[in-house]
Amino acid sequence: MPLTVPPPSVTVVLDPGDDAIHTHTALAAHHPPSGRITLHPGPGTTSETGLAPDLLVALGKPPLLPGRFPGGRQPAWEAATAWLTALPVTRLTVLRAHRLTARRTMRLL
């Protein structure tokens, strides 16, 4: 009988005012060894694929993966998913999350 692991709980807190105090607090809380990751999405990107390298950087991993990959593969997301599973991440804070498209939000979740 396969073991099933319940999905982690998710808390979403939005700061549509981009309050500087919240941003500075989130950045100061970033500490990967303690499982606290603050994702700062790069400005000007709206693609779902563009969020994965930002997540890899937040995890302290290289954002660009060498090699060639077959069409339809998203190696940056595969790497980000693997690292999120392997590392003891307990809190992921996303700055300007209210500006993410629905597709990017769902992919991140």
PDB file of N, CA and C in Angstrom:
ATOM      1  N   MET A   1       0.844  -1.171   0.000  1.00  0.00           N
ATOM      2  CA  MET A   1       0.000   0.000   0.000  1.00  0.00           C
ATOM      3  C   MET A   1       0.892   1.238   0.000  1.00  0.00           C
ATOM      4  N   PRO A   2       0.709   2.144  -0.976  1.00  0.00           N
ATOM      5  CA  PRO A   2       1.574   3.324  -1.047  1.00  0.00           C
ATOM      6  C   PRO A   2       1.260   4.305   0.088  1.00  0.00           C
ATOM      7  N   LEU A   3       2.315   4.897   0.590  1.00  0.00           N
ATOM      8  CA  LEU A   3       2.137   5.918   1.611  1.00  0.00           C
ATOM      9  C   LEU A   3       1.722   7.219   0.947  1.00  0.00           C
ATOM     10  N   THR A   4       0.786   7.890   1.532  1.00  0.00           N
ATOM     11  CA  THR A   4       0.373   9.176   0.989  1.00  0.00           C
ATOM     12  C   THR A   4       0.769  10.262   1.973  1.00  0.00           C
ATOM     13  N   VAL A   5       1.328  11.308   1.435  1.00  0.00           N
ATOM     14  CA  VAL A   5       1.747  12.438   2.247  1.00  0.00           C
ATOM     15  C   VAL A   5       0.772  13.573   1.985  1.00  0.00           C
ATOM     16  N   PRO A   6       0.163  14.108   3.029  1.00  0.00           N
ATOM     17  CA  PRO A   6      -0.770  15.210   2.791  1.00  0.00           C
ATOM     18  C   PRO A   6      -0.018  16.427   2.272  1.00  0.00           C
ATOM     19  N   PRO A   7      -0.638  17.198   1.387  1.00  0.00           N
ATOM     20  CA  PRO A   7       0.044  18.384   0.870  1.00  0.00           C
ATOM     21  C   PRO A   7       0.273  19.384   2.002  1.00  0.00           C
ATOM     22  N   PRO A   8       1.346  20.173   1.896  1.00  0.00           N
ATOM     23  CA  PRO A   8       1.610  21.154   2.941  1.00  0.00           C
ATOM     24  C   PRO A   8       0.531  22.230   2.937  1.00  0.00           C
ATOM     25  N   SER A   9       0.331  22.811   4.087  1.00  0.00           N
ATOM     26  CA  SER A   9      -0.640  23.899   4.146  1.00  0.00           C
ATOM     27  C   SER A   9      -0.063  25.125   3.457  1.00  0.00           C
ATOM     28  N   VAL A  10      -0.932  25.942   2.934  1.00  0.00           N
ATOM     29  CA  VAL A  10      -0.518  27.152   2.227  1.00  0.00           C
ATOM     30  C   VAL A  10      -1.251  28.334   2.833  1.00  0.00           C
ATOM     31  N   THR A  11      -0.503  29.363   3.150  1.00  0.00           N
ATOM     32  CA  THR A  11      -1.084  30.607   3.625  1.00  0.00           C
ATOM     33  C   THR A  11      -0.714  31.684   2.623  1.00  0.00           C
ATOM     34  N   VAL A  12      -1.683  32.402   2.143  1.00  0.00           N
ATOM     35  CA  VAL A  12      -1.437  33.469   1.178  1.00  0.00           C
ATOM     36  C   VAL A  12      -1.763  34.796   1.845  1.00  0.00           C
ATOM     37  N   VAL A  13      -0.774  35.672   1.879  1.00  0.00           N
ATOM     38  CA  VAL A  13      -0.951  37.019   2.415  1.00  0.00           C
ATOM     39  C   VAL A  13      -0.557  37.980   1.301  1.00  0.00           C
ATOM     40  N   LEU A  14      -1.477  38.830   0.906  1.00  0.00           N
ATOM     41  CA  LEU A  14      -1.196  39.778  -0.172  1.00  0.00           C
ATOM     42  C   LEU A  14      -0.936  41.166   0.391  1.00  0.00           C
ATOM     43  N   ASP A  15       0.001  41.853  -0.229  1.00  0.00           N
ATOM     44  CA  ASP A  15       0.325  43.230   0.130  1.00  0.00           C
ATOM     45  C   ASP A  15       0.260  44.070  -1.143  1.00  0.00           C
ATOM     46  N   PRO A  16      -0.961  44.354  -1.637  1.00  0.00           N
ATOM     47  CA  PRO A  16      -1.084  45.075  -2.903  1.00  0.00           C
ATOM     48  C   PRO A  16      -0.496  46.481  -2.865  1.00  0.00           C
ATOM     49  N   GLY A  17      -0.246  47.014  -1.685  1.00  0.00           N
ATOM     50  CA  GLY A  17       0.363  48.339  -1.585  1.00  0.00           C
ATOM     51  C   GLY A  17       1.874  48.309  -1.703  1.00  0.00           C
ATOM     52  N   ASP A  18       2.459  47.109  -1.803  1.00  0.00           N
ATOM     53  CA  ASP A  18       3.916  46.958  -1.851  1.00  0.00           C
ATOM     54  C   ASP A  18       4.588  47.797  -0.774  1.00  0.00           C
ATOM     55  N   ASP A  19       4.084  47.659   0.437  1.00  0.00           N
ATOM     56  CA  ASP A  19       4.610  48.415   1.560  1.00  0.00           C
ATOM     57  C   ASP A  19       6.090  48.081   1.763  1.00  0.00           C
ATOM     58  N   ALA A  20       6.924  49.099   1.839  1.00  0.00           N
ATOM     59  CA  ALA A  20       8.369  48.908   1.961  1.00  0.00           C
ATOM     60  C   ALA A  20       8.738  48.132   3.221  1.00  0.00           C
ATOM     61  N   ILE A  21       8.022  48.340   4.289  1.00  0.00           N
ATOM     62  CA  ILE A  21       8.328  47.625   5.535  1.00  0.00           C
ATOM     63  C   ILE A  21       8.116  46.117   5.348  1.00  0.00           C
ATOM     64  N   HIS A  22       7.029  45.739   4.677  1.00  0.00           N
ATOM     65  CA  HIS A  22       6.788  44.313   4.436  1.00  0.00           C
ATOM     66  C   HIS A  22       7.868  43.726   3.536  1.00  0.00           C
ATOM     67  N   THR A  23       8.251  44.475   2.516  1.00  0.00           N
ATOM     68  CA  THR A  23       9.283  43.996   1.592  1.00  0.00           C
ATOM     69  C   THR A  23      10.604  43.804   2.317  1.00  0.00           C
ATOM     70  N   HIS A  24      11.028  44.782   3.084  1.00  0.00           N
ATOM     71  CA  HIS A  24      12.291  44.678   3.820  1.00  0.00           C
ATOM     72  C   HIS A  24      12.255  43.540   4.839  1.00  0.00           C
ATOM     73  N   THR A  25      11.112  43.360   5.489  1.00  0.00           N
ATOM     74  CA  THR A  25      10.965  42.278   6.460  1.00  0.00           C
ATOM     75  C   THR A  25      11.071  40.921   5.774  1.00  0.00           C
ATOM     76  N   ALA A  26      10.421  40.786   4.627  1.00  0.00           N
ATOM     77  CA  ALA A  26      10.477  39.519   3.884  1.00  0.00           C
ATOM     78  C   ALA A  26      11.894  39.224   3.408  1.00  0.00           C
ATOM     79  N   LEU A  27      12.579  40.232   2.906  1.00  0.00           N
ATOM     80  CA  LEU A  27      13.955  40.032   2.448  1.00  0.00           C
ATOM     81  C   LEU A  27      14.886  39.699   3.611  1.00  0.00           C
ATOM     82  N   ALA A  28      14.670  40.338   4.759  1.00  0.00           N
ATOM     83  CA  ALA A  28      15.496  40.059   5.932  1.00  0.00           C
ATOM     84  C   ALA A  28      15.243  38.647   6.470  1.00  0.00           C
ATOM     85  N   ALA A  29      14.043  38.127   6.257  1.00  0.00           N
ATOM     86  CA  ALA A  29      13.698  36.785   6.754  1.00  0.00           C
ATOM     87  C   ALA A  29      14.264  35.673   5.873  1.00  0.00           C
ATOM     88  N   HIS A  30      14.722  36.029   4.668  1.00  0.00           N
ATOM     89  CA  HIS A  30      15.259  35.029   3.737  1.00  0.00           C
ATOM     90  C   HIS A  30      16.479  34.353   4.365  1.00  0.00           C
ATOM     91  N   HIS A  31      16.364  33.066   4.621  1.00  0.00           N
ATOM     92  CA  HIS A  31      17.467  32.304   5.207  1.00  0.00           C
ATOM     93  C   HIS A  31      17.279  30.831   4.829  1.00  0.00           C
ATOM     94  N   PRO A  32      17.767  30.450   3.644  1.00  0.00           N
ATOM     95  CA  PRO A  32      17.554  29.078   3.166  1.00  0.00           C
ATOM     96  C   PRO A  32      17.949  27.972   4.150  1.00  0.00           C
ATOM     97  N   PRO A  33      19.064  28.098   4.884  1.00  0.00           N
ATOM     98  CA  PRO A  33      19.381  27.007   5.816  1.00  0.00           C
ATOM     99  C   PRO A  33      18.302  26.780   6.883  1.00  0.00           C
ATOM    100  N   SER A  34      17.520  27.821   7.170  1.00  0.00           N
ATOM    101  CA  SER A  34      16.431  27.693   8.140  1.00  0.00           C
ATOM    102  C   SER A  34      15.103  27.344   7.475  1.00  0.00           C
ATOM    103  N   GLY A  35      15.115  27.183   6.147  1.00  0.00           N
ATOM    104  CA  GLY A  35      13.900  26.824   5.433  1.00  0.00           C
ATOM    105  C   GLY A  35      13.034  28.005   5.040  1.00  0.00           C
ATOM    106  N   ARG A  36      13.554  29.215   5.189  1.00  0.00           N
ATOM    107  CA  ARG A  36      12.788  30.420   4.843  1.00  0.00           C
ATOM    108  C   ARG A  36      13.326  31.010   3.540  1.00  0.00           C
ATOM    109  N   ILE A  37      12.476  31.000   2.529  1.00  0.00           N
ATOM    110  CA  ILE A  37      12.855  31.475   1.194  1.00  0.00           C
ATOM    111  C   ILE A  37      11.996  32.684   0.847  1.00  0.00           C
ATOM    112  N   THR A  38      12.640  33.732   0.351  1.00  0.00           N
ATOM    113  CA  THR A  38      11.913  34.891  -0.160  1.00  0.00           C
ATOM    114  C   THR A  38      12.184  34.976  -1.653  1.00  0.00           C
ATOM    115  N   LEU A  39      11.138  34.848  -2.434  1.00  0.00           N
ATOM    116  CA  LEU A  39      11.223  34.895  -3.891  1.00  0.00           C
ATOM    117  C   LEU A  39      10.936  36.313  -4.353  1.00  0.00           C
ATOM    118  N   HIS A  40      11.863  36.861  -5.084  1.00  0.00           N
ATOM    119  CA  HIS A  40      11.729  38.220  -5.614  1.00  0.00           C
ATOM    120  C   HIS A  40      11.655  38.109  -7.135  1.00  0.00           C
ATOM    121  N   PRO A  41      10.445  37.970  -7.699  1.00  0.00           N
ATOM    122  CA  PRO A  41      10.328  37.797  -9.156  1.00  0.00           C
ATOM    123  C   PRO A  41      10.947  38.965  -9.905  1.00  0.00           C
ATOM    124  N   GLY A  42      11.654  38.632 -10.968  1.00  0.00           N
ATOM    125  CA  GLY A  42      12.266  39.671 -11.785  1.00  0.00           C
ATOM    126  C   GLY A  42      11.210  40.543 -12.439  1.00  0.00           C
ATOM    127  N   PRO A  43      11.484  41.831 -12.535  1.00  0.00           N
ATOM    128  CA  PRO A  43      10.512  42.731 -13.159  1.00  0.00           C
ATOM    129  C   PRO A  43      10.433  42.510 -14.667  1.00  0.00           C
ATOM    130  N   GLY A  44       9.274  42.760 -15.205  1.00  0.00           N
ATOM    131  CA  GLY A  44       9.106  42.724 -16.647  1.00  0.00           C
ATOM    132  C   GLY A  44       8.828  41.358 -17.235  1.00  0.00           C
ATOM    133  N   THR A  45       8.816  40.317 -16.430  1.00  0.00           N
ATOM    134  CA  THR A  45       8.495  38.996 -16.972  1.00  0.00           C
ATOM    135  C   THR A  45       7.100  38.601 -16.519  1.00  0.00           C
ATOM    136  N   THR A  46       6.360  38.069 -17.445  1.00  0.00           N
ATOM    137  CA  THR A  46       5.017  37.603 -17.111  1.00  0.00           C
ATOM    138  C   THR A  46       4.841  36.132 -17.438  1.00  0.00           C
ATOM    139  N   SER A  47       5.876  35.522 -18.014  1.00  0.00           N
ATOM    140  CA  SER A  47       5.735  34.123 -18.406  1.00  0.00           C
ATOM    141  C   SER A  47       5.862  33.208 -17.195  1.00  0.00           C
ATOM    142  N   GLU A  48       5.196  32.094 -17.315  1.00  0.00           N
ATOM    143  CA  GLU A  48       5.268  31.063 -16.277  1.00  0.00           C
ATOM    144  C   GLU A  48       6.693  30.518 -16.183  1.00  0.00           C
ATOM    145  N   THR A  49       7.330  30.363 -17.343  1.00  0.00           N
ATOM    146  CA  THR A  49       8.676  29.813 -17.400  1.00  0.00           C
ATOM    147  C   THR A  49       9.687  30.754 -16.755  1.00  0.00           C
ATOM    148  N   GLY A  50       9.476  32.066 -16.868  1.00  0.00           N
ATOM    149  CA  GLY A  50      10.423  33.030 -16.324  1.00  0.00           C
ATOM    150  C   GLY A  50      10.494  33.056 -14.818  1.00  0.00           C
ATOM    151  N   LEU A  51       9.534  32.495 -14.141  1.00  0.00           N
ATOM    152  CA  LEU A  51       9.512  32.492 -12.678  1.00  0.00           C
ATOM    153  C   LEU A  51      10.445  31.427 -12.101  1.00  0.00           C
ATOM    154  N   ALA A  52      10.656  30.343 -12.811  1.00  0.00           N
ATOM    155  CA  ALA A  52      11.473  29.236 -12.308  1.00  0.00           C
ATOM    156  C   ALA A  52      12.918  29.650 -12.029  1.00  0.00           C
ATOM    157  N   PRO A  53      13.605  30.374 -12.936  1.00  0.00           N
ATOM    158  CA  PRO A  53      14.965  30.800 -12.614  1.00  0.00           C
ATOM    159  C   PRO A  53      15.023  31.714 -11.387  1.00  0.00           C
ATOM    160  N   ASP A  54      14.013  32.559 -11.208  1.00  0.00           N
ATOM    161  CA  ASP A  54      13.973  33.405 -10.013  1.00  0.00           C
ATOM    162  C   ASP A  54      13.864  32.545  -8.752  1.00  0.00           C
ATOM    163  N   LEU A  55      13.081  31.487  -8.834  1.00  0.00           N
ATOM    164  CA  LEU A  55      12.930  30.582  -7.701  1.00  0.00           C
ATOM    165  C   LEU A  55      14.241  29.847  -7.424  1.00  0.00           C
ATOM    166  N   LEU A  56      14.930  29.421  -8.476  1.00  0.00           N
ATOM    167  CA  LEU A  56      16.219  28.755  -8.289  1.00  0.00           C
ATOM    168  C   LEU A  56      17.224  29.695  -7.609  1.00  0.00           C
ATOM    169  N   VAL A  57      17.245  30.950  -8.016  1.00  0.00           N
ATOM    170  CA  VAL A  57      18.143  31.931  -7.384  1.00  0.00           C
ATOM    171  C   VAL A  57      17.797  32.078  -5.905  1.00  0.00           C
ATOM    172  N   ALA A  58      16.500  32.171  -5.606  1.00  0.00           N
ATOM    173  CA  ALA A  58      16.076  32.301  -4.206  1.00  0.00           C
ATOM    174  C   ALA A  58      16.508  31.087  -3.385  1.00  0.00           C
ATOM    175  N   LEU A  59      16.571  29.938  -4.025  1.00  0.00           N
ATOM    176  CA  LEU A  59      16.996  28.716  -3.340  1.00  0.00           C
ATOM    177  C   LEU A  59      18.518  28.605  -3.256  1.00  0.00           C
ATOM    178  N   GLY A  60      19.221  29.576  -3.862  1.00  0.00           N
ATOM    179  CA  GLY A  60      20.681  29.557  -3.846  1.00  0.00           C
ATOM    180  C   GLY A  60      21.277  28.632  -4.885  1.00  0.00           C
ATOM    181  N   LYS A  61      20.522  28.349  -5.926  1.00  0.00           N
ATOM    182  CA  LYS A  61      20.959  27.426  -6.978  1.00  0.00           C
ATOM    183  C   LYS A  61      21.160  28.202  -8.279  1.00  0.00           C
ATOM    184  N   PRO A  62      21.970  27.679  -9.205  1.00  0.00           N
ATOM    185  CA  PRO A  62      22.178  28.383 -10.473  1.00  0.00           C
ATOM    186  C   PRO A  62      20.888  28.441 -11.292  1.00  0.00           C
ATOM    187  N   PRO A  63      20.576  29.612 -11.862  1.00  0.00           N
ATOM    188  CA  PRO A  63      19.324  29.761 -12.602  1.00  0.00           C
ATOM    189  C   PRO A  63      19.365  29.204 -14.023  1.00  0.00           C
ATOM    190  N   LEU A  64      20.552  29.067 -14.569  1.00  0.00           N
ATOM    191  CA  LEU A  64      20.670  28.585 -15.949  1.00  0.00           C
ATOM    192  C   LEU A  64      21.203  27.161 -15.937  1.00  0.00           C
ATOM    193  N   LEU A  65      20.500  26.296 -16.630  1.00  0.00           N
ATOM    194  CA  LEU A  65      20.891  24.895 -16.669  1.00  0.00           C
ATOM    195  C   LEU A  65      21.560  24.594 -18.002  1.00  0.00           C
ATOM    196  N   PRO A  66      22.748  24.017 -17.961  1.00  0.00           N
ATOM    197  CA  PRO A  66      23.446  23.710 -19.217  1.00  0.00           C
ATOM    198  C   PRO A  66      22.799  22.535 -19.934  1.00  0.00           C
ATOM    199  N   GLY A  67      23.016  22.482 -21.218  1.00  0.00           N
ATOM    200  CA  GLY A  67      22.541  21.340 -21.993  1.00  0.00           C
ATOM    201  C   GLY A  67      21.357  21.681 -22.866  1.00  0.00           C
ATOM    202  N   ARG A  68      20.969  20.693 -23.621  1.00  0.00           N
ATOM    203  CA  ARG A  68      19.824  20.827 -24.514  1.00  0.00           C
ATOM    204  C   ARG A  68      18.726  19.922 -24.006  1.00  0.00           C
ATOM    205  N   PHE A  69      17.492  20.390 -24.126  1.00  0.00           N
ATOM    206  CA  PHE A  69      16.368  19.629 -23.603  1.00  0.00           C
ATOM    207  C   PHE A  69      15.313  19.486 -24.683  1.00  0.00           C
ATOM    208  N   PRO A  70      14.608  18.364 -24.708  1.00  0.00           N
ATOM    209  CA  PRO A  70      13.567  18.152 -25.711  1.00  0.00           C
ATOM    210  C   PRO A  70      12.452  19.182 -25.572  1.00  0.00           C
ATOM    211  N   GLY A  71      11.797  19.453 -26.675  1.00  0.00           N
ATOM    212  CA  GLY A  71      10.667  20.366 -26.658  1.00  0.00           C
ATOM    213  C   GLY A  71       9.613  19.920 -25.659  1.00  0.00           C
ATOM    214  N   GLY A  72       8.991  20.878 -25.015  1.00  0.00           N
ATOM    215  CA  GLY A  72       7.951  20.574 -24.047  1.00  0.00           C
ATOM    216  C   GLY A  72       8.465  20.384 -22.629  1.00  0.00           C
ATOM    217  N   ARG A  73       9.770  20.246 -22.483  1.00  0.00           N
ATOM    218  CA  ARG A  73      10.346  20.113 -21.136  1.00  0.00           C
ATOM    219  C   ARG A  73      10.611  21.488 -20.573  1.00  0.00           C
ATOM    220  N   GLN A  74      10.469  21.623 -19.295  1.00  0.00           N
ATOM    221  CA  GLN A  74      10.800  22.871 -18.607  1.00  0.00           C
ATOM    222  C   GLN A  74      11.823  22.542 -17.526  1.00  0.00           C
ATOM    223  N   PRO A  75      13.106  22.436 -17.929  1.00  0.00           N
ATOM    224  CA  PRO A  75      14.118  21.977 -16.983  1.00  0.00           C
ATOM    225  C   PRO A  75      14.272  22.884 -15.762  1.00  0.00           C
ATOM    226  N   ALA A  76      14.044  24.182 -15.912  1.00  0.00           N
ATOM    227  CA  ALA A  76      14.168  25.062 -14.748  1.00  0.00           C
ATOM    228  C   ALA A  76      13.090  24.729 -13.715  1.00  0.00           C
ATOM    229  N   TRP A  77      11.864  24.451 -14.179  1.00  0.00           N
ATOM    230  CA  TRP A  77      10.806  24.067 -13.238  1.00  0.00           C
ATOM    231  C   TRP A  77      11.083  22.697 -12.633  1.00  0.00           C
ATOM    232  N   GLU A  78      11.608  21.796 -13.435  1.00  0.00           N
ATOM    233  CA  GLU A  78      11.949  20.473 -12.909  1.00  0.00           C
ATOM    234  C   GLU A  78      13.002  20.601 -11.817  1.00  0.00           C
ATOM    235  N   ALA A  79      14.010  21.446 -12.063  1.00  0.00           N
ATOM    236  CA  ALA A  79      15.063  21.651 -11.064  1.00  0.00           C
ATOM    237  C   ALA A  79      14.507  22.338  -9.822  1.00  0.00           C
ATOM    238  N   ALA A  80      13.685  23.362 -10.006  1.00  0.00           N
ATOM    239  CA  ALA A  80      13.100  24.082  -8.861  1.00  0.00           C
ATOM    240  C   ALA A  80      12.225  23.147  -8.027  1.00  0.00           C
ATOM    241  N   THR A  81      11.438  22.325  -8.695  1.00  0.00           N
ATOM    242  CA  THR A  81      10.576  21.372  -7.991  1.00  0.00           C
ATOM    243  C   THR A  81      11.424  20.373  -7.207  1.00  0.00           C
ATOM    244  N   ALA A  82      12.488  19.900  -7.824  1.00  0.00           N
ATOM    245  CA  ALA A  82      13.356  18.936  -7.143  1.00  0.00           C
ATOM    246  C   ALA A  82      14.011  19.567  -5.911  1.00  0.00           C
ATOM    247  N   TRP A  83      14.511  20.792  -6.065  1.00  0.00           N
ATOM    248  CA  TRP A  83      15.155  21.455  -4.927  1.00  0.00           C
ATOM    249  C   TRP A  83      14.155  21.776  -3.826  1.00  0.00           C
ATOM    250  N   LEU A  84      12.951  22.192  -4.181  1.00  0.00           N
ATOM    251  CA  LEU A  84      11.938  22.465  -3.156  1.00  0.00           C
ATOM    252  C   LEU A  84      11.574  21.196  -2.393  1.00  0.00           C
ATOM    253  N   THR A  85      11.627  20.063  -3.080  1.00  0.00           N
ATOM    254  CA  THR A  85      11.331  18.785  -2.435  1.00  0.00           C
ATOM    255  C   THR A  85      12.497  18.334  -1.560  1.00  0.00           C
ATOM    256  N   ALA A  86      13.719  18.561  -2.029  1.00  0.00           N
ATOM    257  CA  ALA A  86      14.904  18.067  -1.330  1.00  0.00           C
ATOM    258  C   ALA A  86      15.309  18.939  -0.142  1.00  0.00           C
ATOM    259  N   LEU A  87      15.087  20.226  -0.248  1.00  0.00           N
ATOM    260  CA  LEU A  87      15.502  21.141   0.821  1.00  0.00           C
ATOM    261  C   LEU A  87      14.403  21.275   1.871  1.00  0.00           C
ATOM    262  N   PRO A  88      14.781  21.624   3.079  1.00  0.00           N
ATOM    263  CA  PRO A  88      13.781  21.750   4.143  1.00  0.00           C
ATOM    264  C   PRO A  88      13.066  23.107   4.108  1.00  0.00           C
ATOM    265  N   VAL A  89      12.411  23.406   2.984  1.00  0.00           N
ATOM    266  CA  VAL A  89      11.712  24.685   2.855  1.00  0.00           C
ATOM    267  C   VAL A  89      10.398  24.610   3.627  1.00  0.00           C
ATOM    268  N   THR A  90      10.243  25.508   4.577  1.00  0.00           N
ATOM    269  CA  THR A  90       9.020  25.539   5.375  1.00  0.00           C
ATOM    270  C   THR A  90       8.211  26.799   5.124  1.00  0.00           C
ATOM    271  N   ARG A  91       8.864  27.814   4.555  1.00  0.00           N
ATOM    272  CA  ARG A  91       8.130  29.049   4.272  1.00  0.00           C
ATOM    273  C   ARG A  91       8.669  29.666   2.993  1.00  0.00           C
ATOM    274  N   LEU A  92       7.771  29.954   2.072  1.00  0.00           N
ATOM    275  CA  LEU A  92       8.110  30.620   0.818  1.00  0.00           C
ATOM    276  C   LEU A  92       7.320  31.917   0.768  1.00  0.00           C
ATOM    277  N   THR A  93       8.040  33.015   0.790  1.00  0.00           N
ATOM    278  CA  THR A  93       7.416  34.334   0.686  1.00  0.00           C
ATOM    279  C   THR A  93       7.675  34.855  -0.714  1.00  0.00           C
ATOM    280  N   VAL A  94       6.626  35.294  -1.382  1.00  0.00           N
ATOM    281  CA  VAL A  94       6.749  35.811  -2.748  1.00  0.00           C
ATOM    282  C   VAL A  94       6.425  37.293  -2.726  1.00  0.00           C
ATOM    283  N   LEU A  95       7.423  38.096  -3.056  1.00  0.00           N
ATOM    284  CA  LEU A  95       7.196  39.533  -3.122  1.00  0.00           C
ATOM    285  C   LEU A  95       6.357  39.860  -4.353  1.00  0.00           C
ATOM    286  N   ARG A  96       5.495  40.838  -4.208  1.00  0.00           N
ATOM    287  CA  ARG A  96       4.600  41.282  -5.288  1.00  0.00           C
ATOM    288  C   ARG A  96       3.772  40.124  -5.858  1.00  0.00           C
ATOM    289  N   ALA A  97       3.353  39.203  -5.011  1.00  0.00           N
ATOM    290  CA  ALA A  97       2.563  38.048  -5.460  1.00  0.00           C
ATOM    291  C   ALA A  97       1.256  38.476  -6.110  1.00  0.00           C
ATOM    292  N   HIS A  98       0.737  39.610  -5.716  1.00  0.00           N
ATOM    293  CA  HIS A  98      -0.525  40.088  -6.298  1.00  0.00           C
ATOM    294  C   HIS A  98      -0.361  40.460  -7.769  1.00  0.00           C
ATOM    295  N   ARG A  99       0.864  40.592  -8.241  1.00  0.00           N
ATOM    296  CA  ARG A  99       1.113  40.929  -9.643  1.00  0.00           C
ATOM    297  C   ARG A  99       1.338  39.708 -10.516  1.00  0.00           C
ATOM    298  N   LEU A 100       1.380  38.530  -9.908  1.00  0.00           N
ATOM    299  CA  LEU A 100       1.566  37.316 -10.698  1.00  0.00           C
ATOM    300  C   LEU A 100       0.284  36.990 -11.461  1.00  0.00           C
ATOM    301  N   THR A 101       0.451  36.454 -12.655  1.00  0.00           N
ATOM    302  CA  THR A 101      -0.727  36.002 -13.407  1.00  0.00           C
ATOM    303  C   THR A 101      -1.274  34.751 -12.721  1.00  0.00           C
ATOM    304  N   ALA A 102      -2.488  34.411 -13.061  1.00  0.00           N
ATOM    305  CA  ALA A 102      -3.108  33.212 -12.470  1.00  0.00           C
ATOM    306  C   ALA A 102      -2.294  31.964 -12.812  1.00  0.00           C
ATOM    307  N   ARG A 103      -1.777  31.875 -14.034  1.00  0.00           N
ATOM    308  CA  ARG A 103      -0.971  30.707 -14.434  1.00  0.00           C
ATOM    309  C   ARG A 103       0.296  30.612 -13.616  1.00  0.00           C
ATOM    310  N   ARG A 104       0.952  31.753 -13.396  1.00  0.00           N
ATOM    311  CA  ARG A 104       2.206  31.746 -12.608  1.00  0.00           C
ATOM    312  C   ARG A 104       1.901  31.378 -11.159  1.00  0.00           C
ATOM    313  N   THR A 105       0.830  31.887 -10.634  1.00  0.00           N
ATOM    314  CA  THR A 105       0.461  31.579  -9.256  1.00  0.00           C
ATOM    315  C   THR A 105       0.186  30.086  -9.109  1.00  0.00           C
ATOM    316  N   MET A 106      -0.590  29.540 -10.020  1.00  0.00           N
ATOM    317  CA  MET A 106      -0.933  28.115  -9.943  1.00  0.00           C
ATOM    318  C   MET A 106       0.318  27.246 -10.112  1.00  0.00           C
ATOM    319  N   ARG A 107       1.205  27.640 -10.993  1.00  0.00           N
ATOM    320  CA  ARG A 107       2.434  26.862 -11.192  1.00  0.00           C
ATOM    321  C   ARG A 107       3.291  26.884  -9.919  1.00  0.00           C
ATOM    322  N   LEU A 108       3.362  28.025  -9.299  1.00  0.00           N
ATOM    323  CA  LEU A 108       4.128  28.154  -8.075  1.00  0.00           C
ATOM    324  C   LEU A 108       3.517  27.332  -6.945  1.00  0.00           C
ATOM    325  N   LEU A 109       2.189  27.382  -6.831  1.00  0.00           N
ATOM    326  CA  LEU A 109       1.533  26.590  -5.801  1.00  0.00           C
ATOM    327  C   LEU A 109       1.710  25.104  -6.044  1.00  0.00           C
TER     328      LEU A 109
END
